[in-house]
Structure formats: C-alpha cells, structure tokens
Amino acid sequence: MIRISDTARTERLYCRALKIAAGGTPGLWLPIMQHLAFRGNIDAMRELANWYSRSHRVEALGAAGDYSSAAGLYRRAWRRGDAYAAQHLAMSCFNRGDLQGYRRWMGRAAQAGDTDARREARRFETRLPHANARKIGRLRPFARRDQLG
C-alpha cells in the first residue's frame, strides 16, 4: 500500500481550500483552513489571518496572544519564520495608530529577512502613502523612493 506523505496531503488540502475559496469547486474552505492553520501550516495561517482581518473591523485584529485571532495567527506564522506575517502585523498596527507595535513588528519582519521591512524599519516613517493612512490622519504623498524596482 502506498502512503501519501503528510506534506503532500497538506498541500493537496491547501490547494483544495484555495479552489473552494475562489469558487471553482463546491465546499466549505474555512474549516479546511482552520484545520491546517491549527496544525502549523504557515500558508494557511496567513490566509486565515488575512481573511479575519479583511472580514472584521481593523480594531478587531485581536491580541497576539489569542490563538485564533488574526494577530495570533500572524504571530505564530512569524515564530515559524514567515517574514510576511510580521510585516502584515506591523501594517495592521500602523492602521490602528499603534506606532510602537508598528516599529516592533517591522523590526521583527526585518530580522526574519524581509528587505522592504528592513528599509522601512530603518526609516521609521510615521506617515505612509496608502489609503488606510488617510483614515487615521497619517497620509503623505508618494515619493520617488516609493516606486518599486
């Protein structure tokens, strides 16, 4: 009998959940993502945290110590080495007006290897050129340094 490895099974489940979320196949994607996230799959943690933070108010990000909140999922993904999760949590802190949390998580994203986060942590700008910065009164115009590439 041929046994499928756990990583192959996990990847297959993750792909299935993405297809369901995109509307390609019938089913419920949330229970699959929760199953994968609570068993340590970094991609599922990020996807679930992104969904939580999109579907709720910005203030409802939750505490980093809460296992099932968006902040908790990002934190657990960062602890497993995911720089994107730390950077996303930093931007969520900025959007809430928590500049101390923004600086801490941007530094953690830089330590995890994100070069954009390293540049942002070094500059530590309190005003940014994105739409959510306008909502909290911290908008600035685009500068030449904001261009990618």
N, C-alpha and C. Protein backbone atom coordinates (compact mmCIF):
# COMPACT_ATOMS: atom_id res chain seq x y z
N MET A 1 0.84 -1.17 0.00
CA MET A 1 0.00 0.00 0.00
C MET A 1 0.89 1.24 0.00
N ILE A 2 0.61 2.16 -0.89
CA ILE A 2 1.37 3.40 -0.99
C ILE A 2 0.77 4.43 -0.04
N ARG A 3 1.60 5.01 0.82
CA ARG A 3 1.14 6.02 1.77
C ARG A 3 1.58 7.39 1.26
N ILE A 4 0.67 8.30 1.26
CA ILE A 4 0.97 9.67 0.87
C ILE A 4 1.57 10.38 2.08
N SER A 5 2.66 11.10 1.86
CA SER A 5 3.31 11.78 2.98
C SER A 5 2.40 12.89 3.52
N ASP A 6 2.68 13.30 4.75
CA ASP A 6 1.88 14.34 5.37
C ASP A 6 2.00 15.67 4.63
N THR A 7 3.18 15.98 4.12
CA THR A 7 3.33 17.25 3.40
C THR A 7 2.54 17.25 2.10
N ALA A 8 2.52 16.14 1.41
CA ALA A 8 1.74 16.06 0.17
C ALA A 8 0.25 16.17 0.48
N ARG A 9 -0.19 15.52 1.54
CA ARG A 9 -1.60 15.59 1.94
C ARG A 9 -1.97 17.01 2.34
N THR A 10 -1.07 17.67 3.07
CA THR A 10 -1.32 19.05 3.49
C THR A 10 -1.40 19.98 2.29
N GLU A 11 -0.48 19.82 1.35
CA GLU A 11 -0.50 20.65 0.14
C GLU A 11 -1.77 20.43 -0.66
N ARG A 12 -2.19 19.18 -0.76
CA ARG A 12 -3.41 18.87 -1.50
C ARG A 12 -4.63 19.50 -0.83
N LEU A 13 -4.69 19.44 0.50
CA LEU A 13 -5.79 20.05 1.23
C LEU A 13 -5.78 21.57 1.07
N TYR A 14 -4.60 22.17 1.13
CA TYR A 14 -4.47 23.62 0.99
C TYR A 14 -4.93 24.06 -0.40
N CYS A 15 -4.50 23.35 -1.43
CA CYS A 15 -4.93 23.68 -2.80
C CYS A 15 -6.43 23.52 -2.96
N ARG A 16 -6.99 22.50 -2.34
CA ARG A 16 -8.44 22.29 -2.41
C ARG A 16 -9.18 23.44 -1.75
N ALA A 17 -8.68 23.90 -0.60
CA ALA A 17 -9.33 25.02 0.09
C ALA A 17 -9.24 26.30 -0.74
N LEU A 18 -8.12 26.51 -1.41
CA LEU A 18 -7.99 27.70 -2.27
C LEU A 18 -8.96 27.64 -3.45
N LYS A 19 -9.13 26.45 -4.02
CA LYS A 19 -10.08 26.31 -5.13
C LYS A 19 -11.50 26.57 -4.66
N ILE A 20 -11.83 26.10 -3.47
CA ILE A 20 -13.17 26.33 -2.93
C ILE A 20 -13.37 27.82 -2.67
N ALA A 21 -12.35 28.48 -2.10
CA ALA A 21 -12.46 29.92 -1.80
C ALA A 21 -12.61 30.73 -3.08
N ALA A 22 -11.97 30.31 -4.14
CA ALA A 22 -12.06 31.03 -5.41
C ALA A 22 -13.38 30.76 -6.13
N GLY A 23 -14.14 29.80 -5.65
CA GLY A 23 -15.42 29.49 -6.26
C GLY A 23 -15.34 28.43 -7.34
N GLY A 24 -14.19 27.77 -7.46
CA GLY A 24 -14.01 26.77 -8.50
C GLY A 24 -14.65 25.43 -8.19
N THR A 25 -14.74 25.08 -6.94
CA THR A 25 -15.34 23.81 -6.55
C THR A 25 -16.28 24.04 -5.37
N PRO A 26 -17.29 23.22 -5.23
CA PRO A 26 -18.21 23.39 -4.10
C PRO A 26 -17.58 22.90 -2.80
N GLY A 27 -17.98 23.49 -1.72
CA GLY A 27 -17.49 23.07 -0.41
C GLY A 27 -17.28 24.26 0.51
N LEU A 28 -16.81 23.97 1.71
CA LEU A 28 -16.53 24.99 2.71
C LEU A 28 -15.03 25.06 2.92
N TRP A 29 -14.44 26.22 2.63
CA TRP A 29 -12.99 26.35 2.73
C TRP A 29 -12.52 26.70 4.13
N LEU A 30 -13.36 27.37 4.92
CA LEU A 30 -12.94 27.84 6.24
C LEU A 30 -12.56 26.69 7.18
N PRO A 31 -13.35 25.63 7.30
CA PRO A 31 -12.93 24.54 8.19
C PRO A 31 -11.62 23.88 7.76
N ILE A 32 -11.38 23.81 6.46
CA ILE A 32 -10.13 23.21 5.97
C ILE A 32 -8.95 24.10 6.36
N MET A 33 -9.08 25.42 6.16
CA MET A 33 -8.01 26.35 6.51
C MET A 33 -7.76 26.34 8.02
N GLN A 34 -8.83 26.29 8.80
CA GLN A 34 -8.65 26.25 10.26
C GLN A 34 -7.92 24.97 10.67
N HIS A 35 -8.29 23.86 10.06
CA HIS A 35 -7.63 22.59 10.35
C HIS A 35 -6.14 22.68 10.06
N LEU A 36 -5.79 23.23 8.90
CA LEU A 36 -4.38 23.33 8.51
C LEU A 36 -3.64 24.35 9.37
N ALA A 37 -4.27 25.48 9.66
CA ALA A 37 -3.61 26.53 10.44
C ALA A 37 -3.34 26.07 11.87
N PHE A 38 -4.27 25.40 12.47
CA PHE A 38 -4.07 24.97 13.85
C PHE A 38 -3.14 23.77 13.96
N ARG A 39 -2.74 23.23 12.81
CA ARG A 39 -1.74 22.17 12.80
C ARG A 39 -0.39 22.66 12.29
N GLY A 40 -0.25 23.98 12.13
CA GLY A 40 1.05 24.56 11.87
C GLY A 40 1.38 24.90 10.43
N ASN A 41 0.45 24.85 9.52
CA ASN A 41 0.73 25.20 8.13
C ASN A 41 0.80 26.73 8.02
N ILE A 42 1.97 27.25 7.64
CA ILE A 42 2.20 28.69 7.61
C ILE A 42 1.30 29.37 6.58
N ASP A 43 1.17 28.78 5.40
CA ASP A 43 0.34 29.39 4.36
C ASP A 43 -1.11 29.49 4.81
N ALA A 44 -1.60 28.48 5.47
CA ALA A 44 -2.98 28.50 5.96
C ALA A 44 -3.15 29.53 7.07
N MET A 45 -2.13 29.67 7.93
CA MET A 45 -2.20 30.69 8.98
C MET A 45 -2.31 32.08 8.38
N ARG A 46 -1.47 32.36 7.37
CA ARG A 46 -1.51 33.67 6.72
C ARG A 46 -2.85 33.90 6.03
N GLU A 47 -3.31 32.91 5.29
CA GLU A 47 -4.57 33.04 4.55
C GLU A 47 -5.74 33.28 5.50
N LEU A 48 -5.78 32.54 6.57
CA LEU A 48 -6.85 32.67 7.55
C LEU A 48 -6.76 34.02 8.26
N ALA A 49 -5.56 34.45 8.63
CA ALA A 49 -5.39 35.75 9.28
C ALA A 49 -5.76 36.89 8.34
N ASN A 50 -5.41 36.77 7.07
CA ASN A 50 -5.81 37.77 6.08
C ASN A 50 -7.32 37.85 5.98
N TRP A 51 -7.96 36.71 5.97
CA TRP A 51 -9.42 36.68 5.88
C TRP A 51 -10.06 37.28 7.13
N TYR A 52 -9.53 36.94 8.30
CA TYR A 52 -10.05 37.51 9.54
C TYR A 52 -9.91 39.02 9.55
N SER A 53 -8.74 39.52 9.13
CA SER A 53 -8.53 40.96 9.18
C SER A 53 -9.32 41.70 8.10
N ARG A 54 -9.62 41.05 6.98
CA ARG A 54 -10.44 41.67 5.94
C ARG A 54 -11.91 41.66 6.32
N SER A 55 -12.36 40.62 6.95
CA SER A 55 -13.80 40.47 7.19
C SER A 55 -14.27 41.17 8.46
N HIS A 56 -13.36 41.60 9.30
CA HIS A 56 -13.71 42.30 10.54
C HIS A 56 -13.16 43.72 10.50
N ARG A 57 -13.55 44.51 11.47
CA ARG A 57 -13.01 45.87 11.57
C ARG A 57 -11.52 45.81 11.88
N VAL A 58 -10.82 46.88 11.57
CA VAL A 58 -9.38 46.95 11.83
C VAL A 58 -9.12 46.82 13.32
N GLU A 59 -10.00 47.37 14.15
CA GLU A 59 -9.82 47.30 15.60
C GLU A 59 -9.97 45.88 16.12
N ALA A 60 -10.63 45.01 15.35
CA ALA A 60 -10.89 43.65 15.79
C ALA A 60 -9.79 42.68 15.37
N LEU A 61 -8.56 43.17 15.24
CA LEU A 61 -7.44 42.32 14.87
C LEU A 61 -7.18 41.27 15.94
N GLY A 62 -7.44 41.63 17.19
CA GLY A 62 -7.24 40.71 18.29
C GLY A 62 -5.87 40.86 18.92
N ALA A 63 -5.66 40.12 19.97
CA ALA A 63 -4.38 40.15 20.68
C ALA A 63 -3.46 39.09 20.10
N ALA A 64 -2.16 39.38 20.13
CA ALA A 64 -1.18 38.43 19.59
C ALA A 64 -1.15 37.14 20.40
N GLY A 65 -1.57 37.20 21.66
CA GLY A 65 -1.59 36.00 22.49
C GLY A 65 -2.83 35.14 22.28
N ASP A 66 -3.84 35.67 21.60
CA ASP A 66 -5.07 34.92 21.34
C ASP A 66 -4.80 33.96 20.18
N TYR A 67 -4.94 32.69 20.42
CA TYR A 67 -4.57 31.63 19.49
C TYR A 67 -5.32 31.71 18.17
N SER A 68 -6.59 32.13 18.21
CA SER A 68 -7.40 32.07 16.99
C SER A 68 -7.71 33.44 16.39
N SER A 69 -7.09 34.50 16.89
CA SER A 69 -7.31 35.82 16.29
C SER A 69 -6.35 36.02 15.12
N ALA A 70 -6.59 37.05 14.33
CA ALA A 70 -5.71 37.34 13.20
C ALA A 70 -4.30 37.64 13.69
N ALA A 71 -4.19 38.45 14.75
CA ALA A 71 -2.87 38.78 15.29
C ALA A 71 -2.17 37.53 15.83
N GLY A 72 -2.91 36.66 16.46
CA GLY A 72 -2.32 35.42 16.97
C GLY A 72 -1.82 34.51 15.86
N LEU A 73 -2.58 34.43 14.78
CA LEU A 73 -2.16 33.62 13.65
C LEU A 73 -0.92 34.19 12.98
N TYR A 74 -0.90 35.53 12.81
CA TYR A 74 0.29 36.17 12.24
C TYR A 74 1.50 35.93 13.13
N ARG A 75 1.31 36.06 14.43
CA ARG A 75 2.42 35.87 15.37
C ARG A 75 2.96 34.44 15.30
N ARG A 76 2.07 33.46 15.24
CA ARG A 76 2.52 32.07 15.16
C ARG A 76 3.23 31.79 13.85
N ALA A 77 2.76 32.41 12.76
CA ALA A 77 3.44 32.24 11.47
C ALA A 77 4.82 32.90 11.52
N TRP A 78 4.92 34.06 12.17
CA TRP A 78 6.22 34.71 12.32
C TRP A 78 7.17 33.85 13.15
N ARG A 79 6.67 33.24 14.19
CA ARG A 79 7.50 32.37 15.04
C ARG A 79 8.05 31.18 14.26
N ARG A 80 7.36 30.82 13.20
CA ARG A 80 7.84 29.72 12.34
C ARG A 80 8.72 30.22 11.20
N GLY A 81 9.03 31.54 11.20
CA GLY A 81 9.97 32.07 10.22
C GLY A 81 9.38 32.82 9.05
N ASP A 82 8.13 33.20 9.10
CA ASP A 82 7.48 33.88 7.98
C ASP A 82 7.57 35.39 8.15
N ALA A 83 8.38 36.03 7.32
CA ALA A 83 8.57 37.48 7.41
C ALA A 83 7.32 38.24 6.97
N TYR A 84 6.58 37.69 6.01
CA TYR A 84 5.37 38.36 5.52
C TYR A 84 4.37 38.56 6.66
N ALA A 85 4.23 37.59 7.53
CA ALA A 85 3.27 37.68 8.62
C ALA A 85 3.64 38.81 9.57
N ALA A 86 4.92 38.95 9.90
CA ALA A 86 5.35 40.04 10.78
C ALA A 86 5.14 41.39 10.12
N GLN A 87 5.42 41.49 8.83
CA GLN A 87 5.23 42.74 8.12
C GLN A 87 3.74 43.10 8.05
N HIS A 88 2.90 42.12 7.84
CA HIS A 88 1.47 42.38 7.77
C HIS A 88 0.93 42.80 9.13
N LEU A 89 1.43 42.20 10.19
CA LEU A 89 1.03 42.58 11.53
C LEU A 89 1.51 44.00 11.85
N ALA A 90 2.70 44.37 11.35
CA ALA A 90 3.19 45.73 11.53
C ALA A 90 2.27 46.73 10.86
N MET A 91 1.85 46.43 9.64
CA MET A 91 0.95 47.34 8.93
C MET A 91 -0.42 47.40 9.61
N SER A 92 -0.86 46.33 10.18
CA SER A 92 -2.12 46.35 10.91
C SER A 92 -2.00 47.23 12.15
N CYS A 93 -0.86 47.18 12.83
CA CYS A 93 -0.62 48.06 13.98
C CYS A 93 -0.62 49.52 13.53
N PHE A 94 0.02 49.80 12.40
CA PHE A 94 0.04 51.17 11.88
C PHE A 94 -1.37 51.64 11.58
N ASN A 95 -2.17 50.80 10.97
CA ASN A 95 -3.54 51.18 10.61
C ASN A 95 -4.41 51.44 11.83
N ARG A 96 -4.04 50.85 12.96
CA ARG A 96 -4.77 51.11 14.20
C ARG A 96 -4.23 52.31 14.95
N GLY A 97 -3.10 52.87 14.48
CA GLY A 97 -2.49 54.01 15.16
C GLY A 97 -1.50 53.59 16.23
N ASP A 98 -1.15 52.33 16.30
CA ASP A 98 -0.20 51.81 17.29
C ASP A 98 1.20 51.86 16.68
N LEU A 99 1.88 53.00 16.81
CA LEU A 99 3.19 53.16 16.18
C LEU A 99 4.27 52.36 16.88
N GLN A 100 4.12 52.13 18.18
CA GLN A 100 5.09 51.31 18.89
C GLN A 100 5.02 49.87 18.40
N GLY A 101 3.81 49.34 18.24
CA GLY A 101 3.66 48.00 17.70
C GLY A 101 4.13 47.92 16.26
N TYR A 102 3.88 48.99 15.49
CA TYR A 102 4.33 49.04 14.10
C TYR A 102 5.85 48.92 14.04
N ARG A 103 6.56 49.66 14.88
CA ARG A 103 8.02 49.63 14.87
C ARG A 103 8.55 48.25 15.32
N ARG A 104 7.93 47.69 16.36
CA ARG A 104 8.37 46.38 16.87
C ARG A 104 8.20 45.30 15.80
N TRP A 105 7.02 45.24 15.18
CA TRP A 105 6.77 44.17 14.21
C TRP A 105 7.51 44.40 12.89
N MET A 106 7.75 45.65 12.54
CA MET A 106 8.55 45.92 11.34
C MET A 106 9.98 45.47 11.57
N GLY A 107 10.50 45.69 12.78
CA GLY A 107 11.83 45.20 13.13
C GLY A 107 11.90 43.68 13.11
N ARG A 108 10.86 43.05 13.58
CA ARG A 108 10.83 41.58 13.57
C ARG A 108 10.76 41.04 12.14
N ALA A 109 10.03 41.73 11.28
CA ALA A 109 9.97 41.32 9.88
C ALA A 109 11.34 41.49 9.23
N ALA A 110 12.04 42.56 9.58
CA ALA A 110 13.38 42.78 9.05
C ALA A 110 14.34 41.69 9.53
N GLN A 111 14.23 41.30 10.79
CA GLN A 111 15.08 40.22 11.32
C GLN A 111 14.78 38.89 10.64
N ALA A 112 13.53 38.72 10.22
CA ALA A 112 13.15 37.47 9.55
C ALA A 112 13.60 37.43 8.09
N GLY A 113 14.12 38.57 7.58
CA GLY A 113 14.69 38.55 6.24
C GLY A 113 13.95 39.35 5.19
N ASP A 114 12.96 40.13 5.54
CA ASP A 114 12.23 40.94 4.57
C ASP A 114 13.01 42.22 4.31
N THR A 115 13.50 42.39 3.08
CA THR A 115 14.33 43.56 2.76
C THR A 115 13.52 44.86 2.76
N ASP A 116 12.27 44.82 2.31
CA ASP A 116 11.43 46.02 2.36
C ASP A 116 11.17 46.45 3.80
N ALA A 117 10.93 45.48 4.67
CA ALA A 117 10.72 45.78 6.08
C ALA A 117 11.99 46.35 6.71
N ARG A 118 13.14 45.86 6.29
CA ARG A 118 14.40 46.38 6.82
C ARG A 118 14.55 47.86 6.44
N ARG A 119 14.21 48.19 5.21
CA ARG A 119 14.30 49.58 4.76
C ARG A 119 13.29 50.45 5.51
N GLU A 120 12.07 49.95 5.68
CA GLU A 120 11.05 50.72 6.40
C GLU A 120 11.39 50.87 7.88
N ALA A 121 11.95 49.84 8.49
CA ALA A 121 12.32 49.92 9.90
C ALA A 121 13.45 50.92 10.11
N ARG A 122 14.35 50.98 9.17
CA ARG A 122 15.47 51.92 9.27
C ARG A 122 14.97 53.36 9.17
N ARG A 123 14.03 53.61 8.28
CA ARG A 123 13.49 54.97 8.10
C ARG A 123 12.47 55.32 9.17
N PHE A 124 11.69 54.35 9.60
CA PHE A 124 10.58 54.50 10.55
C PHE A 124 9.76 55.76 10.27
N GLU A 125 9.00 55.69 9.21
CA GLU A 125 8.14 56.80 8.84
C GLU A 125 6.82 56.72 9.60
N THR A 126 6.40 57.84 10.13
CA THR A 126 5.12 57.87 10.84
C THR A 126 3.97 58.26 9.92
N ARG A 127 4.29 58.58 8.68
CA ARG A 127 3.28 58.86 7.67
C ARG A 127 3.59 58.00 6.45
N LEU A 128 2.56 57.39 5.89
CA LEU A 128 2.75 56.49 4.75
C LEU A 128 1.80 56.87 3.61
N PRO A 129 2.12 56.46 2.38
CA PRO A 129 1.30 56.85 1.23
C PRO A 129 0.25 55.81 0.83
N HIS A 130 -0.50 55.27 1.75
CA HIS A 130 -1.56 54.32 1.35
C HIS A 130 -2.90 54.76 1.91
N ALA A 131 -3.96 54.18 1.39
CA ALA A 131 -5.31 54.66 1.68
C ALA A 131 -5.67 54.56 3.15
N ASN A 132 -5.24 53.52 3.84
CA ASN A 132 -5.57 53.39 5.26
C ASN A 132 -4.88 54.45 6.10
N ALA A 133 -3.75 54.97 5.65
CA ALA A 133 -3.08 56.05 6.38
C ALA A 133 -3.94 57.31 6.38
N ARG A 134 -4.70 57.53 5.32
CA ARG A 134 -5.60 58.68 5.26
C ARG A 134 -6.67 58.56 6.34
N LYS A 135 -7.15 57.36 6.59
CA LYS A 135 -8.21 57.16 7.57
C LYS A 135 -7.78 57.54 8.98
N ILE A 136 -6.50 57.37 9.30
CA ILE A 136 -6.03 57.70 10.65
C ILE A 136 -5.26 59.01 10.68
N GLY A 137 -5.28 59.77 9.58
CA GLY A 137 -4.64 61.07 9.55
C GLY A 137 -3.13 61.03 9.40
N ARG A 138 -2.59 59.99 8.79
CA ARG A 138 -1.14 59.86 8.63
C ARG A 138 -0.75 59.64 7.17
N LEU A 139 -1.45 60.32 6.27
CA LEU A 139 -1.16 60.19 4.85
C LEU A 139 -0.07 61.17 4.43
N ARG A 140 0.78 60.73 3.52
CA ARG A 140 1.74 61.61 2.88
C ARG A 140 1.70 61.30 1.40
N PRO A 141 2.14 62.24 0.56
CA PRO A 141 2.15 61.97 -0.89
C PRO A 141 3.20 60.92 -1.25
N PHE A 142 3.01 60.28 -2.40
CA PHE A 142 4.00 59.32 -2.88
C PHE A 142 5.30 60.05 -3.17
N ALA A 143 6.40 59.41 -2.85
CA ALA A 143 7.73 59.95 -3.13
C ALA A 143 8.40 59.05 -4.15
N ARG A 144 9.50 59.51 -4.69
CA ARG A 144 10.23 58.74 -5.68
C ARG A 144 10.73 57.40 -5.10
N ARG A 145 11.05 57.41 -3.81
CA ARG A 145 11.56 56.19 -3.16
C ARG A 145 10.48 55.11 -2.99
N ASP A 146 9.20 55.47 -3.16
CA ASP A 146 8.12 54.51 -3.02
C ASP A 146 7.94 53.64 -4.24
N GLN A 147 8.56 53.99 -5.36
CA GLN A 147 8.42 53.22 -6.58
C GLN A 147 9.16 51.90 -6.45
N LEU A 148 8.52 50.83 -6.86
CA LEU A 148 9.15 49.50 -6.82
C LEU A 148 10.09 49.35 -7.99
N GLY A 149 11.18 48.64 -7.73
CA GLY A 149 12.08 48.31 -8.82
C GLY A 149 13.27 49.12 -8.95
